[in-house]
Amino acid sequence: MKDIGCFINLELPRGREMFRNIPSNYIIRLNSCRSAILHSIRCYNVKKVWIAKYQCDEVISFLKREKCELLFYDVDEEFNPLLDTNEQDTAIVLTNYFGLLGDRHFLPLIKKYKNVIIDNAQALFYHPIDGCLNCYSPRKFVGSPDGAYVIGKEVNKFEYEQDMSSDTSQFLLMHYEQGCEGDAYVRKKENDARINSSGIKLMSPLTYAILDSYDYERVIKKRKENFRYARKLFDRINKFSIGKLVEDDAVPMGYPLWNEKAEIIPEFHKNKIFQARYWEYLIDTASKESLECRWVKYMALICIDQRYGKEEIDFQNEIVKKCLNKYDGKAANNG
């Protein structure tokens, strides 16, 4: 029996989880997306995995630590894998970059490759598709200490330890009073370190309760609205052909602006716009002329999440314009 009495706990709405209607044998709830990818590899009973060079270093390090043999492929400017085929004894991870991609991109690839894993860490709202295993990371879209899903045929296999996340979840509460800097950021990094040191675990009860409480329809509506507004401001200066990449039902993580006139992210940070580079380690490991290295240096992910609106997107636009105008001024002087 549960305890009775004592202090009253934090109460959250229930019954809203994103994937609550998925049959239990088609879903497993885990602690992180890197764990979800590793679990998917185990489901396919393979050890060798094809993965894009343009990928999070934490995922790569984790899979190496777990004794997976990694094989790397390039992608083109529309994120198509430059790989003819993969062997039956390998899996391939296809990344849904920035949540832009959908059926038009992935359905032909599922037919082309064997043992497909779709990494939807940046695409929480892309629906699971048949013929592959679908991995999700909700904490990039809603406040959560951790958590991940794998959805696909008969994925609820293998026994894992139950995770516990309350000890390092304080940063979520501190953000209300301190913002995302200072002690709150220190606590957030402690939570990241906990995830980095963990193997595959089942989603914690706290994480499940948090993810079961959100109004996801509101999140979807606001992100789509913000993305449409960002397109009006940035499409004309973007080397990405957003109109060709994004699908109608996409709910992006952010708006990826790629412009090689200037490095925007350092200017964002000076103005307290705390967007990361995707992924900074590639500056040291990839060829300087490669797409991966150019994206790290010259791509800025415009923040469009549900906490913000036109005012915040306009502010980001002003910083972008200052960066580009500064470059144009230097070019004119040099000319």
Protein backbone atom coordinates (compact mmCIF):
# COMPACT_ATOMS: atom_id res chain seq x y z
CA MET A 1 0.00 0.00 0.00
CA LYS A 2 1.11 3.57 -0.68
CA ASP A 3 1.90 5.81 2.27
CA ILE A 4 -0.97 7.86 3.70
CA GLY A 5 -0.80 11.36 5.13
CA CYS A 6 2.41 13.35 5.71
CA PHE A 7 3.24 16.33 3.45
CA ILE A 8 1.37 16.91 0.20
CA ASN A 9 3.35 16.18 -2.95
CA LEU A 10 3.41 18.15 -6.18
CA GLU A 11 0.25 17.23 -8.10
CA LEU A 12 0.23 17.24 -11.90
CA PRO A 13 -2.52 16.63 -14.46
CA ARG A 14 -2.64 13.04 -15.72
CA GLY A 15 -3.71 11.22 -18.86
CA ARG A 16 -2.04 13.46 -21.47
CA GLU A 17 1.08 11.49 -22.39
CA MET A 18 2.04 11.86 -26.04
CA PHE A 19 2.07 8.12 -26.82
CA ARG A 20 -0.49 6.89 -24.29
CA ASN A 21 -2.53 5.03 -26.93
CA ILE A 22 0.34 2.92 -28.29
CA PRO A 23 -0.14 -0.81 -27.38
CA SER A 24 2.26 -1.94 -24.65
CA ASN A 25 4.14 -4.42 -26.86
CA TYR A 26 4.87 -1.59 -29.35
CA ILE A 27 6.41 0.87 -26.88
CA ILE A 28 9.08 0.97 -24.21
CA ARG A 29 9.76 4.00 -22.02
CA LEU A 30 13.44 4.56 -21.26
CA ASN A 31 15.75 7.13 -19.68
CA SER A 32 17.43 8.77 -22.71
CA CYS A 33 17.39 8.79 -26.49
CA ARG A 34 20.90 7.33 -26.67
CA SER A 35 19.54 4.43 -24.59
CA ALA A 36 16.60 4.22 -26.98
CA ILE A 37 18.97 3.90 -29.94
CA LEU A 38 21.04 1.23 -28.17
CA HIS A 39 17.88 -0.68 -27.22
CA SER A 40 16.79 -0.56 -30.88
CA ILE A 41 20.18 -1.96 -31.95
CA ARG A 42 19.70 -4.82 -29.48
CA CYS A 43 16.21 -5.45 -30.85
CA TYR A 44 17.73 -5.95 -34.30
CA ASN A 45 20.36 -8.26 -32.77
CA VAL A 46 23.28 -6.55 -34.52
CA LYS A 47 26.53 -5.00 -33.33
CA LYS A 48 27.47 -2.83 -36.32
CA VAL A 49 25.64 0.47 -36.85
CA TRP A 50 25.72 3.04 -39.62
CA ILE A 51 25.36 6.56 -38.26
CA ALA A 52 25.70 10.01 -39.82
CA LYS A 53 28.90 11.95 -39.28
CA TYR A 54 26.63 14.88 -38.44
CA GLN A 55 25.44 13.47 -35.12
CA CYS A 56 25.56 14.26 -31.40
CA ASP A 57 28.90 13.26 -29.86
CA GLU A 58 27.16 12.00 -26.71
CA VAL A 59 25.31 9.40 -28.79
CA ILE A 60 28.52 8.34 -30.55
CA SER A 61 30.49 8.10 -27.28
CA PHE A 62 27.70 6.13 -25.60
CA LEU A 63 27.42 3.59 -28.42
CA LYS A 64 31.20 3.12 -28.49
CA ARG A 65 31.19 2.62 -24.73
CA GLU A 66 28.55 -0.07 -25.19
CA LYS A 67 30.82 -1.90 -27.68
CA CYS A 68 28.91 -1.06 -30.86
CA GLU A 69 30.96 -0.95 -34.04
CA LEU A 70 30.20 2.38 -35.71
CA LEU A 71 30.28 2.97 -39.45
CA PHE A 72 29.85 6.56 -40.67
CA TYR A 73 28.04 8.02 -43.67
CA ASP A 74 27.78 11.55 -45.06
CA VAL A 75 24.58 13.46 -45.77
CA ASP A 76 23.82 16.02 -48.46
CA GLU A 77 22.28 19.49 -48.06
CA GLU A 78 18.80 17.95 -47.80
CA PHE A 79 19.98 15.43 -45.16
CA ASN A 80 19.80 12.46 -47.53
CA PRO A 81 22.26 9.70 -46.58
CA LEU A 82 25.08 9.25 -49.10
CA LEU A 83 25.07 5.49 -48.70
CA ASP A 84 23.91 3.01 -51.33
CA THR A 85 22.91 0.19 -49.00
CA ASN A 86 23.70 -1.46 -45.68
CA GLU A 87 24.34 -5.11 -44.89
CA GLN A 88 21.82 -7.38 -43.16
CA ASP A 89 24.05 -7.62 -40.08
CA THR A 90 24.02 -3.84 -39.58
CA ALA A 91 21.49 -1.26 -38.45
CA ILE A 92 21.31 2.32 -39.72
CA VAL A 93 20.35 5.39 -37.69
CA LEU A 94 18.54 8.06 -39.71
CA THR A 95 18.26 11.42 -37.97
CA ASN A 96 15.22 13.67 -38.22
CA TYR A 97 17.25 16.88 -38.19
CA PHE A 98 15.59 19.76 -36.31
CA GLY A 99 12.21 18.04 -36.68
CA LEU A 100 11.83 19.21 -40.28
CA LEU A 101 11.55 15.86 -42.03
CA GLY A 102 8.63 13.50 -42.52
CA ASP A 103 7.17 10.72 -44.64
CA ARG A 104 8.42 12.16 -47.92
CA HIS A 105 11.97 11.84 -46.62
CA PHE A 106 11.83 8.64 -44.57
CA LEU A 107 9.48 6.23 -46.37
CA PRO A 108 11.81 5.71 -49.38
CA LEU A 109 14.76 5.25 -47.00
CA ILE A 110 12.97 2.53 -45.03
CA LYS A 111 12.56 0.61 -48.27
CA LYS A 112 16.19 1.25 -49.26
CA TYR A 113 17.92 0.23 -46.00
CA LYS A 114 17.75 -2.70 -43.59
CA ASN A 115 17.17 -2.49 -39.81
CA VAL A 116 16.28 1.21 -39.78
CA ILE A 117 16.26 3.27 -36.60
CA ILE A 118 14.81 6.78 -36.85
CA ASP A 119 16.34 9.19 -34.35
CA ASN A 120 13.51 11.58 -33.54
CA ALA A 121 15.33 13.26 -30.66
CA GLN A 122 14.63 16.57 -32.46
CA ALA A 123 11.18 15.56 -33.72
CA LEU A 124 8.90 14.60 -30.83
CA PHE A 125 5.75 15.09 -32.88
CA TYR A 126 6.67 13.09 -35.97
CA HIS A 127 4.38 10.08 -35.91
CA PRO A 128 5.88 6.56 -35.57
CA ILE A 129 6.09 4.75 -38.89
CA ASP A 130 5.97 1.04 -39.65
CA GLY A 131 8.92 -0.97 -40.88
CA CYS A 132 11.46 0.60 -38.52
CA LEU A 133 12.07 1.50 -34.89
CA ASN A 134 11.25 5.07 -33.83
CA CYS A 135 13.17 6.79 -31.00
CA TYR A 136 12.05 10.00 -29.23
CA SER A 137 13.49 12.43 -26.67
CA PRO A 138 10.75 14.63 -25.16
CA ARG A 139 13.07 16.85 -23.08
CA LYS A 140 14.04 18.83 -26.18
CA PHE A 141 10.40 19.94 -26.47
CA VAL A 142 9.03 20.08 -22.91
CA GLY A 143 10.59 20.50 -19.50
CA SER A 144 11.70 17.09 -18.24
CA PRO A 145 14.80 15.74 -16.49
CA ASP A 146 15.20 12.89 -18.98
CA GLY A 147 13.09 10.28 -20.74
CA ALA A 148 12.77 8.57 -24.11
CA TYR A 149 10.52 6.29 -26.09
CA VAL A 150 11.12 3.47 -28.55
CA ILE A 151 8.10 2.63 -30.69
CA GLY A 152 7.89 -0.26 -33.11
CA LYS A 153 7.01 -3.91 -33.46
CA GLU A 154 7.69 -5.98 -30.33
CA VAL A 155 10.13 -3.48 -28.80
CA ASN A 156 9.04 -4.07 -25.21
CA LYS A 157 11.69 -6.68 -24.57
CA PHE A 158 14.72 -7.03 -22.25
CA GLU A 159 14.74 -6.30 -18.53
CA TYR A 160 16.17 -2.97 -17.32
CA GLU A 161 16.63 -1.27 -13.97
CA GLN A 162 14.18 1.48 -13.02
CA ASP A 163 15.70 4.96 -13.26
CA MET A 164 15.22 7.63 -10.57
CA SER A 165 15.54 11.28 -11.56
CA SER A 166 14.30 13.37 -8.62
CA ASP A 167 17.78 13.89 -7.10
CA THR A 168 18.95 15.87 -10.14
CA SER A 169 15.67 17.50 -11.24
CA GLN A 170 16.01 20.63 -9.11
CA PHE A 171 17.09 22.71 -12.12
CA LEU A 172 13.54 22.57 -13.51
CA LEU A 173 12.19 24.32 -10.41
CA MET A 174 15.14 26.71 -10.10
CA HIS A 175 14.48 27.99 -13.64
CA TYR A 176 11.27 29.63 -12.38
CA GLU A 177 13.17 31.77 -9.89
CA GLN A 178 16.67 32.11 -11.34
CA GLY A 179 16.34 31.66 -15.09
CA CYS A 180 18.71 29.30 -16.91
CA GLU A 181 22.01 30.78 -15.71
CA GLY A 182 24.01 30.45 -12.49
CA ASP A 183 23.12 27.68 -10.05
CA ALA A 184 20.23 26.46 -12.18
CA TYR A 185 22.61 25.77 -15.07
CA VAL A 186 25.06 24.03 -12.70
CA ARG A 187 22.26 21.74 -11.53
CA LYS A 188 21.24 21.12 -15.12
CA LYS A 189 24.79 20.00 -15.97
CA GLU A 190 24.70 17.66 -12.95
CA ASN A 191 21.58 16.10 -14.43
CA ASP A 192 23.32 15.75 -17.79
CA ALA A 193 26.25 14.03 -16.06
CA ARG A 194 23.87 11.56 -14.43
CA ILE A 195 22.40 10.70 -17.83
CA ASN A 196 25.87 10.42 -19.40
CA SER A 197 27.01 7.93 -16.78
CA SER A 198 23.89 5.76 -17.00
CA GLY A 199 23.26 2.72 -19.11
CA ILE A 200 19.82 1.80 -20.37
CA LYS A 201 17.19 2.22 -17.68
CA LEU A 202 13.42 2.38 -17.60
CA MET A 203 11.88 5.86 -17.46
CA SER A 204 11.68 7.21 -13.93
CA PRO A 205 8.26 7.59 -12.26
CA LEU A 206 8.83 11.35 -11.91
CA THR A 207 9.66 11.74 -15.59
CA TYR A 208 6.59 9.73 -16.56
CA ALA A 209 4.37 11.90 -14.35
CA ILE A 210 5.80 15.09 -15.86
CA LEU A 211 5.42 13.86 -19.44
CA ASP A 212 1.86 12.73 -18.68
CA SER A 213 0.90 16.26 -17.64
CA TYR A 214 1.61 18.50 -20.66
CA ASP A 215 -0.90 20.05 -23.04
CA TYR A 216 0.82 18.83 -26.19
CA GLU A 217 -1.73 20.34 -28.54
CA ARG A 218 -0.83 23.78 -27.21
CA VAL A 219 2.85 23.04 -27.72
CA ILE A 220 2.25 21.91 -31.30
CA LYS A 221 0.11 24.91 -32.18
CA LYS A 222 2.56 27.47 -30.79
CA ARG A 223 5.66 25.90 -32.34
CA LYS A 224 4.02 25.74 -35.77
CA GLU A 225 2.91 29.35 -35.48
CA ASN A 226 6.39 30.50 -34.48
CA PHE A 227 8.04 28.46 -37.23
CA ARG A 228 5.81 30.05 -39.87
CA TYR A 229 6.75 33.50 -38.58
CA ALA A 230 10.46 32.62 -38.56
CA ARG A 231 10.20 31.50 -42.19
CA LYS A 232 8.91 34.91 -43.20
CA LEU A 233 11.96 36.53 -41.62
CA PHE A 234 14.74 34.11 -42.53
CA ASP A 235 13.90 32.00 -45.60
CA ARG A 236 15.33 34.54 -48.04
CA ILE A 237 18.78 34.54 -46.35
CA ASN A 238 18.95 30.81 -45.64
CA LYS A 239 21.19 28.41 -47.59
CA PHE A 240 18.85 25.60 -46.50
CA SER A 241 15.87 25.28 -48.85
CA ILE A 242 13.38 25.17 -46.02
CA GLY A 243 10.43 24.93 -48.39
CA LYS A 244 11.86 21.70 -49.83
CA LEU A 245 12.91 20.25 -46.48
CA VAL A 246 10.00 20.87 -44.16
CA GLU A 247 6.83 18.81 -44.44
CA ASP A 248 3.35 20.20 -43.87
CA ASP A 249 2.71 18.42 -40.58
CA ALA A 250 6.19 19.03 -39.14
CA VAL A 251 6.55 20.51 -35.64
CA PRO A 252 10.20 21.63 -35.68
CA MET A 253 12.53 21.86 -32.72
CA GLY A 254 13.78 25.18 -34.11
CA TYR A 255 14.36 27.09 -37.32
CA PRO A 256 17.81 26.19 -38.75
CA LEU A 257 19.36 29.29 -40.31
CA TRP A 258 22.47 28.56 -42.38
CA ASN A 259 24.26 31.66 -43.65
CA GLU A 260 28.02 31.60 -44.23
CA LYS A 261 28.51 35.37 -44.10
CA ALA A 262 28.97 35.30 -40.33
CA GLU A 263 29.02 33.09 -37.23
CA ILE A 264 25.77 33.95 -35.47
CA ILE A 265 25.90 31.74 -32.38
CA PRO A 266 28.67 33.73 -30.58
CA GLU A 267 26.60 36.92 -31.02
CA PHE A 268 23.53 35.09 -29.72
CA HIS A 269 25.41 34.14 -26.57
CA LYS A 270 26.55 37.74 -26.00
CA ASN A 271 22.88 38.71 -26.04
CA LYS A 272 21.72 35.92 -23.68
CA ILE A 273 20.24 33.78 -26.44
CA PHE A 274 21.50 30.42 -25.24
CA GLN A 275 21.32 28.26 -28.33
CA ALA A 276 23.88 25.52 -28.84
CA ARG A 277 26.02 24.71 -31.86
CA TYR A 278 25.10 21.43 -33.54
CA TRP A 279 27.60 19.82 -32.93
CA GLU A 280 30.70 21.76 -31.83
CA TYR A 281 33.10 18.81 -31.58
CA LEU A 282 32.97 18.47 -35.38
CA ILE A 283 35.02 21.68 -35.77
CA ASP A 284 38.01 19.68 -34.51
CA THR A 285 37.24 16.34 -36.16
CA ALA A 286 35.67 17.09 -39.55
CA SER A 287 37.26 18.52 -42.67
CA LYS A 288 37.02 22.33 -42.72
CA GLU A 289 35.31 22.19 -46.12
CA SER A 290 32.79 19.53 -45.11
CA LEU A 291 29.10 20.29 -44.74
CA GLU A 292 29.26 19.13 -41.13
CA CYS A 293 31.94 21.66 -40.20
CA ARG A 294 30.25 24.48 -42.11
CA TRP A 295 26.93 23.75 -40.39
CA VAL A 296 28.57 23.83 -36.97
CA LYS A 297 30.16 27.21 -37.66
CA TYR A 298 27.47 28.94 -39.71
CA MET A 299 24.14 27.39 -38.72
CA ALA A 300 22.14 28.98 -35.91
CA LEU A 301 18.99 27.33 -34.61
CA ILE A 302 16.43 30.10 -34.14
CA CYS A 303 14.46 29.48 -30.94
CA ILE A 304 10.75 29.05 -31.72
CA ASP A 305 9.50 27.00 -28.79
CA GLN A 306 6.15 27.41 -27.05
CA ARG A 307 7.49 29.78 -24.38
CA TYR A 308 8.01 32.51 -26.97
CA GLY A 309 6.29 34.53 -29.67
CA LYS A 310 6.97 37.21 -32.26
CA GLU A 311 8.79 39.52 -29.84
CA GLU A 312 11.50 36.96 -29.07
CA ILE A 313 11.82 35.89 -32.71
CA ASP A 314 12.11 39.54 -33.76
CA PHE A 315 14.89 40.01 -31.20
CA GLN A 316 16.81 37.08 -32.67
CA ASN A 317 16.27 38.56 -36.12
CA GLU A 318 17.82 41.86 -35.00
CA ILE A 319 20.94 40.05 -33.82
CA VAL A 320 21.16 38.14 -37.11
CA LYS A 321 20.84 41.37 -39.11
CA LYS A 322 23.59 43.04 -37.07
CA CYS A 323 25.90 40.06 -37.70
CA LEU A 324 25.27 40.11 -41.43
CA ASN A 325 25.50 43.91 -41.69
CA LYS A 326 28.83 43.81 -39.86
CA TYR A 327 30.09 41.29 -42.41
CA ASP A 328 28.79 43.39 -45.33
CA GLY A 329 30.56 46.46 -43.89
CA LYS A 330 33.87 44.61 -43.61
CA ALA A 331 33.49 43.23 -47.14
CA ALA A 332 32.86 46.74 -48.51
CA ASN A 333 35.93 48.10 -46.68
CA ASN A 334 38.10 45.27 -47.96
CA GLY A 335 36.78 45.81 -51.45
